[in-house]
Each structure stands twice: as structure tokens, then as C-alpha cells.
Amino acid sequence: MNSSVIISPRVIDTINSLSSADRTPISNALSMEFILGQNPEDTLTPNQSIIYAVIRFYVTQDTARHRRNLANVS
């Protein structure tokens, strides 16, 4: 089972660029979804949900890219 998740520098930079009011809930939402397997939607405000969707896209895109690169090396 390959359940690795890539948290790239662009994800970290994006999270760090957020206000402290958004940084913690969005970081918690990432943990809820990618570590705990829970749906974080109810924990975010509508604006945070939009930001989270972008960051989630980055994580899934970077993870897929990493898996493709691993497959090409093998």
C-alpha cells in the first residue's frame, strides 16, 4: 500500500503565507484529511474552504508527480 503524501515547499510556503487565523485551521484540515482520513469541510469557513481547495490540489498534484517520477526510475 502506497499512502505517501508529499508536502512540497510550495505547500509549506503557501501555508506560511496565510494569516495566523487561517494557517492553523487549514493545517489542521490537511492533517484531518491526509493523516486521519476524515473530512475537514465542517471545520473551515467558506473562505478557508476555498484556500484549502487550492492547497489540497497542490498536495494531490505534487504527490501524483512524485509517484510518476518513482515509476519512471524503476
Protein backbone atom coordinates (compact mmCIF):
# COMPACT_ATOMS: atom_id res chain seq x y z
CA MET A 1 0.00 0.00 0.00
CA ASN A 2 1.46 3.33 -1.03
CA SER A 3 -0.06 6.03 1.13
CA SER A 4 2.72 8.59 0.98
CA VAL A 5 1.70 12.21 0.81
CA ILE A 6 4.09 14.85 -0.48
CA ILE A 7 4.11 18.19 1.31
CA SER A 8 6.24 20.22 -1.08
CA PRO A 9 7.94 23.56 -0.45
CA ARG A 10 5.16 25.31 -2.38
CA VAL A 11 2.59 23.86 0.04
CA ILE A 12 4.64 24.93 3.04
CA ASP A 13 5.25 28.39 1.56
CA THR A 14 1.55 28.80 0.81
CA ILE A 15 0.55 27.80 4.33
CA ASN A 16 3.19 30.06 5.87
CA SER A 17 1.92 32.99 3.81
CA LEU A 18 -1.54 32.73 5.37
CA SER A 19 -2.70 34.80 8.29
CA SER A 20 -2.48 33.05 11.64
CA ALA A 21 -6.29 32.94 11.72
CA ASP A 22 -6.24 30.78 8.56
CA ARG A 23 -2.95 28.94 8.99
CA THR A 24 -3.97 26.75 11.92
CA PRO A 25 -7.41 25.63 10.67
CA ILE A 26 -6.03 24.84 7.21
CA SER A 27 -3.05 22.94 8.63
CA ASN A 28 -5.45 21.01 10.85
CA ALA A 29 -7.67 20.27 7.86
CA LEU A 30 -4.69 18.84 5.94
CA SER A 31 -3.89 16.60 8.89
CA MET A 32 -7.51 15.54 9.23
CA GLU A 33 -7.78 14.53 5.60
CA PHE A 34 -4.37 13.14 4.71
CA ILE A 35 -3.36 11.61 8.04
CA LEU A 36 -6.61 10.77 9.80
CA GLY A 37 -8.75 10.16 6.71
CA GLN A 38 -11.50 12.47 7.96
CA ASN A 39 -13.48 15.07 6.05
CA PRO A 40 -12.43 18.55 7.26
CA GLU A 41 -15.16 20.52 5.45
CA ASP A 42 -17.18 21.31 8.57
CA THR A 43 -14.15 22.78 10.34
CA LEU A 44 -13.48 25.55 7.80
CA THR A 45 -15.16 28.83 6.99
CA PRO A 46 -16.24 29.36 3.37
CA ASN A 47 -13.12 31.45 2.65
CA GLN A 48 -10.86 28.89 4.31
CA SER A 49 -12.53 26.16 2.24
CA ILE A 50 -11.51 27.94 -0.96
CA ILE A 51 -7.91 28.32 0.23
CA TYR A 52 -7.90 24.71 1.40
CA ALA A 53 -9.10 23.51 -2.00
CA VAL A 54 -6.09 25.16 -3.65
CA ILE A 55 -3.63 23.75 -1.13
CA ARG A 56 -5.25 20.31 -1.34
CA PHE A 57 -4.82 20.48 -5.12
CA TYR A 58 -1.13 21.26 -4.64
CA VAL A 59 -0.72 18.26 -2.33
CA THR A 60 -2.50 15.84 -4.65
CA GLN A 61 -0.67 17.20 -7.71
CA ASP A 62 2.74 17.02 -6.04
CA THR A 63 2.03 13.53 -4.70
CA ALA A 64 0.99 12.30 -8.16
CA ARG A 65 4.11 13.85 -9.70
CA HIS A 66 6.30 12.14 -7.11
CA ARG A 67 4.66 8.76 -7.80
CA ARG A 68 5.15 9.20 -11.56
CA ASN A 69 8.81 10.05 -11.01
CA LEU A 70 9.26 6.95 -8.86
CA ALA A 71 7.62 4.81 -11.53
CA ASN A 72 9.93 6.24 -14.19
CA VAL A 73 13.02 5.45 -12.12
CA SER A 74 12.03 1.81 -11.57
